[in-house]
Amino acid sequence: MPDGLNLGLSWPVLLGALVIGYLLGSIAFGMVLTRLSGGPDLRSIGSGNIGATNVLRTGNKKLAAATLAGDMLKGTAAVLLATYLFGSREAGLVAGLGAFLGHLFPVWLNFKGGKGVATYLGILIGVKFSIALVFAAIWLSIAYLTRYSSVSALIASLLTPLLLWFWAGLPQAAVLMGVLSLLLWFMHRENIARLLSGSEGKIGQKG
C-alpha cells in the first residue's frame, strides 16, 4: 500500500492519527465551561464564536483563561499523543491537522466551531516549542498595540510557516502550519471584513 500523502505513513496510521486529532480537537471547551458556570450560550453573544476571545466578552476572565488553556492544550495533546502512539513525528503532524479540523468543524456542534487560534498555538507547541514562543510573542505584541485579537492572529499565523521553514528547518511542519494558516485566515474572513469597515470588536469589549 502506498504511503499516505507521501509522509511515510501507512493509510491506517494516517487515518488513525486524523481521527485521534479530530476527536480531541472537537472538544468545545468554551461551550462546556460556559454552560457549567451558568453563563449564556456563546453563540448568542459577541461574534458568536466558541473560543476564548468571545468567552472574555461575557466578562468572566477566569473562564476565558480556562477556555484558552483547554483549546490550546488539546492541540498539543493531539500532536504528542499521535507521535507517541505511532512512533512518528509525521503522525503527530497529521493529528495536528485533525485537531484543527475538529476545532473548526466539531460534529457535536453541527460542524460550527471556533476560529482556531488557541488550537493553532497548541499544535505549534507540540511541533516546535521555540516557534510557538515566537508566535505568542508576536500575538501579544500586536494585541497590545492594536487591541484586535484577529489582527494579532492573522499576522502571527502568516509568519509561522516561514519561521518553521527558514529558521527551524522543518519543511513538513511548515507545510502543515501553512495549511492551518490558510484555514485560519478563511475562518477569519468576517473579521477581515469588519476590520476593513472599522466595526471589528476589540479585546475585552463586551457584546
Protein backbone atom coordinates (compact mmCIF):
# COMPACT_ATOMS: atom_id res chain seq x y z
CA MET A 1 0.00 0.00 0.00
CA PRO A 2 1.45 3.41 -0.89
CA ASP A 3 2.49 5.77 1.89
CA GLY A 4 -0.31 8.10 2.96
CA LEU A 5 0.18 11.57 1.48
CA ASN A 6 3.91 10.84 0.96
CA LEU A 7 4.59 11.25 4.68
CA GLY A 8 5.98 7.77 5.09
CA LEU A 9 2.79 6.68 6.85
CA SER A 10 0.54 3.76 6.04
CA TRP A 11 -3.05 4.71 5.41
CA PRO A 12 -4.27 3.07 8.68
CA VAL A 13 -1.77 5.17 10.65
CA LEU A 14 -2.68 8.32 8.75
CA LEU A 15 -6.40 7.80 9.32
CA GLY A 16 -5.85 6.82 12.95
CA ALA A 17 -3.84 9.98 13.61
CA LEU A 18 -6.50 12.10 11.91
CA VAL A 19 -9.29 10.54 13.99
CA ILE A 20 -7.39 10.93 17.27
CA GLY A 21 -6.66 14.54 16.47
CA TYR A 22 -10.21 15.28 15.34
CA LEU A 23 -11.80 13.83 18.47
CA LEU A 24 -9.51 15.80 20.74
CA GLY A 25 -9.89 18.97 18.70
CA SER A 26 -13.67 18.76 18.67
CA ILE A 27 -13.94 19.22 22.44
CA ALA A 28 -15.57 22.66 22.71
CA PHE A 29 -14.14 23.93 26.00
CA GLY A 30 -15.72 27.36 25.63
CA MET A 31 -19.20 25.90 25.32
CA VAL A 32 -18.69 23.31 28.07
CA LEU A 33 -17.14 25.64 30.64
CA THR A 34 -19.60 28.47 29.99
CA ARG A 35 -22.57 26.15 30.32
CA LEU A 36 -21.17 24.62 33.54
CA SER A 37 -20.72 28.11 35.01
CA GLY A 38 -24.31 29.03 34.22
CA GLY A 39 -23.32 31.51 31.55
CA PRO A 40 -25.06 32.28 28.25
CA ASP A 41 -24.79 30.31 25.03
CA LEU A 42 -21.64 31.72 23.46
CA ARG A 43 -23.21 31.52 20.04
CA SER A 44 -25.73 34.18 21.08
CA ILE A 45 -23.26 36.88 22.12
CA GLY A 46 -20.48 38.91 20.54
CA SER A 47 -19.11 37.29 17.42
CA GLY A 48 -20.98 34.05 18.15
CA ASN A 49 -17.65 32.26 18.32
CA ILE A 50 -17.00 29.49 20.88
CA GLY A 51 -13.40 30.48 21.61
CA ALA A 52 -11.68 32.30 24.46
CA THR A 53 -11.99 35.78 22.93
CA ASN A 54 -15.77 35.53 22.89
CA VAL A 55 -15.82 33.98 26.38
CA LEU A 56 -13.96 37.11 27.51
CA ARG A 57 -16.88 39.17 26.22
CA THR A 58 -19.03 37.59 28.94
CA GLY A 59 -16.85 39.43 31.45
CA ASN A 60 -15.51 36.23 33.02
CA LYS A 61 -11.73 36.46 32.68
CA LYS A 62 -11.03 33.21 34.56
CA LEU A 63 -13.38 31.30 32.31
CA ALA A 64 -11.76 32.85 29.24
CA ALA A 65 -8.32 31.79 30.50
CA ALA A 66 -9.54 28.25 31.15
CA THR A 67 -11.04 28.10 27.65
CA LEU A 68 -7.81 29.35 26.13
CA ALA A 69 -5.83 26.70 28.01
CA GLY A 70 -8.20 23.90 27.05
CA ASP A 71 -8.39 24.83 23.38
CA MET A 72 -4.62 25.19 23.25
CA LEU A 73 -3.66 22.03 25.11
CA LYS A 74 -5.96 19.79 23.09
CA GLY A 75 -3.87 20.68 20.04
CA THR A 76 -0.66 19.90 21.90
CA ALA A 77 -2.10 16.65 23.20
CA ALA A 78 -3.11 15.53 19.71
CA VAL A 79 0.40 16.04 18.32
CA LEU A 80 2.20 14.41 21.24
CA LEU A 81 -0.23 11.51 21.64
CA ALA A 82 -0.13 10.52 17.97
CA THR A 83 3.66 10.88 17.89
CA TYR A 84 3.90 8.56 20.90
CA LEU A 85 1.33 6.00 19.75
CA PHE A 86 2.62 5.69 16.20
CA GLY A 87 6.28 6.47 16.85
CA SER A 88 6.34 9.11 14.12
CA ARG A 89 6.60 12.90 14.05
CA GLU A 90 4.70 12.78 10.78
CA ALA A 91 1.78 11.09 12.54
CA GLY A 92 1.88 13.93 15.05
CA LEU A 93 1.61 16.46 12.22
CA VAL A 94 -1.40 14.64 10.79
CA ALA A 95 -3.02 14.55 14.23
CA GLY A 96 -2.42 18.28 14.49
CA LEU A 97 -4.32 18.78 11.25
CA GLY A 98 -7.11 16.58 12.62
CA ALA A 99 -7.25 18.59 15.85
CA PHE A 100 -7.53 21.84 13.95
CA LEU A 101 -10.31 20.49 11.75
CA GLY A 102 -12.06 19.14 14.84
CA HIS A 103 -11.98 22.55 16.48
CA LEU A 104 -13.20 24.37 13.38
CA PHE A 105 -15.83 21.79 12.42
CA PRO A 106 -16.92 19.77 15.51
CA VAL A 107 -19.51 17.14 14.72
CA TRP A 108 -21.16 17.77 18.12
CA LEU A 109 -21.99 21.38 17.17
CA ASN A 110 -23.21 20.75 13.63
CA PHE A 111 -19.69 21.44 12.32
CA LYS A 112 -19.78 25.05 13.56
CA GLY A 113 -16.79 25.55 15.81
CA GLY A 114 -14.19 28.13 16.69
CA LYS A 115 -11.67 30.01 14.60
CA GLY A 116 -8.72 28.02 15.77
CA VAL A 117 -6.14 30.47 17.15
CA ALA A 118 -5.60 28.77 20.52
CA THR A 119 -5.61 25.32 18.95
CA TYR A 120 -3.18 26.54 16.29
CA LEU A 121 -0.81 27.63 19.05
CA GLY A 122 -1.26 24.35 20.90
CA ILE A 123 -0.39 22.37 17.80
CA LEU A 124 2.66 24.57 17.30
CA ILE A 125 3.77 23.85 20.88
CA GLY A 126 3.73 20.14 20.06
CA VAL A 127 5.53 20.67 16.76
CA LYS A 128 8.25 23.18 17.74
CA PHE A 129 8.09 24.87 21.12
CA SER A 130 10.54 27.67 20.30
CA ILE A 131 8.46 28.78 17.31
CA ALA A 132 5.35 28.65 19.49
CA LEU A 133 7.03 31.12 21.84
CA VAL A 134 7.75 33.43 18.90
CA PHE A 135 4.11 33.12 17.76
CA ALA A 136 2.91 34.03 21.25
CA ALA A 137 5.29 36.99 21.42
CA ILE A 138 4.10 38.30 18.05
CA TRP A 139 0.46 37.82 19.04
CA LEU A 140 0.87 39.57 22.38
CA SER A 141 2.82 42.47 20.90
CA ILE A 142 0.29 43.17 18.18
CA ALA A 143 -2.64 42.66 20.56
CA TYR A 144 -1.13 45.19 22.96
CA LEU A 145 -0.65 47.73 20.19
CA THR A 146 -3.96 47.28 18.36
CA ARG A 147 -6.35 45.58 20.84
CA TYR A 148 -7.53 43.43 17.96
CA SER A 149 -7.31 39.68 18.55
CA SER A 150 -7.98 38.97 14.89
CA VAL A 151 -5.14 41.16 13.60
CA SER A 152 -2.74 39.52 16.05
CA ALA A 153 -3.72 36.03 14.94
CA LEU A 154 -3.61 36.82 11.24
CA ILE A 155 -0.12 38.32 11.33
CA ALA A 156 1.34 35.70 13.67
CA SER A 157 -0.06 32.84 11.58
CA LEU A 158 1.25 34.43 8.40
CA LEU A 159 4.81 34.43 9.75
CA THR A 160 4.75 30.99 11.40
CA PRO A 161 5.26 28.78 8.30
CA LEU A 162 8.17 30.99 7.20
CA LEU A 163 9.80 30.67 10.62
CA LEU A 164 9.38 26.90 10.61
CA TRP A 165 10.88 26.55 7.12
CA PHE A 166 13.73 29.06 7.16
CA TRP A 167 14.61 29.29 10.86
CA ALA A 168 13.74 25.89 12.33
CA GLY A 169 14.46 23.91 9.16
CA LEU A 170 11.22 21.90 9.36
CA PRO A 171 9.67 21.92 5.88
CA GLN A 172 6.98 19.33 6.60
CA ALA A 173 5.87 21.21 9.71
CA ALA A 174 5.97 24.45 7.72
CA VAL A 175 3.66 22.98 5.10
CA LEU A 176 1.25 21.74 7.80
CA MET A 177 1.15 25.10 9.56
CA GLY A 178 0.82 26.82 6.18
CA VAL A 179 -2.34 24.80 5.55
CA LEU A 180 -3.60 25.65 9.03
CA SER A 181 -2.80 29.33 8.42
CA LEU A 182 -4.89 29.31 5.26
CA LEU A 183 -7.77 27.73 7.17
CA LEU A 184 -7.35 30.24 9.98
CA TRP A 185 -7.49 33.17 7.53
CA PHE A 186 -10.57 31.64 5.91
CA MET A 187 -12.29 31.34 9.29
CA HIS A 188 -11.46 34.99 9.97
CA ARG A 189 -12.96 36.26 6.71
CA GLU A 190 -15.78 38.04 8.55
CA ASN A 191 -13.29 39.61 10.95
CA ILE A 192 -11.28 40.86 7.99
CA ALA A 193 -14.41 42.42 6.54
CA ARG A 194 -15.20 44.10 9.87
CA LEU A 195 -11.63 45.34 10.17
CA LEU A 196 -11.91 46.94 6.76
CA SER A 197 -15.21 48.58 7.72
CA GLY A 198 -13.98 49.66 11.16
CA SER A 199 -16.56 47.62 13.07
CA GLU A 200 -14.36 44.84 14.48
CA GLY A 201 -14.69 44.34 18.25
CA LYS A 202 -11.63 44.83 20.41
CA ILE A 203 -10.21 42.56 23.13
CA GLY A 204 -12.22 42.80 26.34
CA GLN A 205 -15.14 44.51 24.66
CA LYS A 206 -18.49 43.11 25.70
CA GLY A 207 -21.10 42.47 23.07
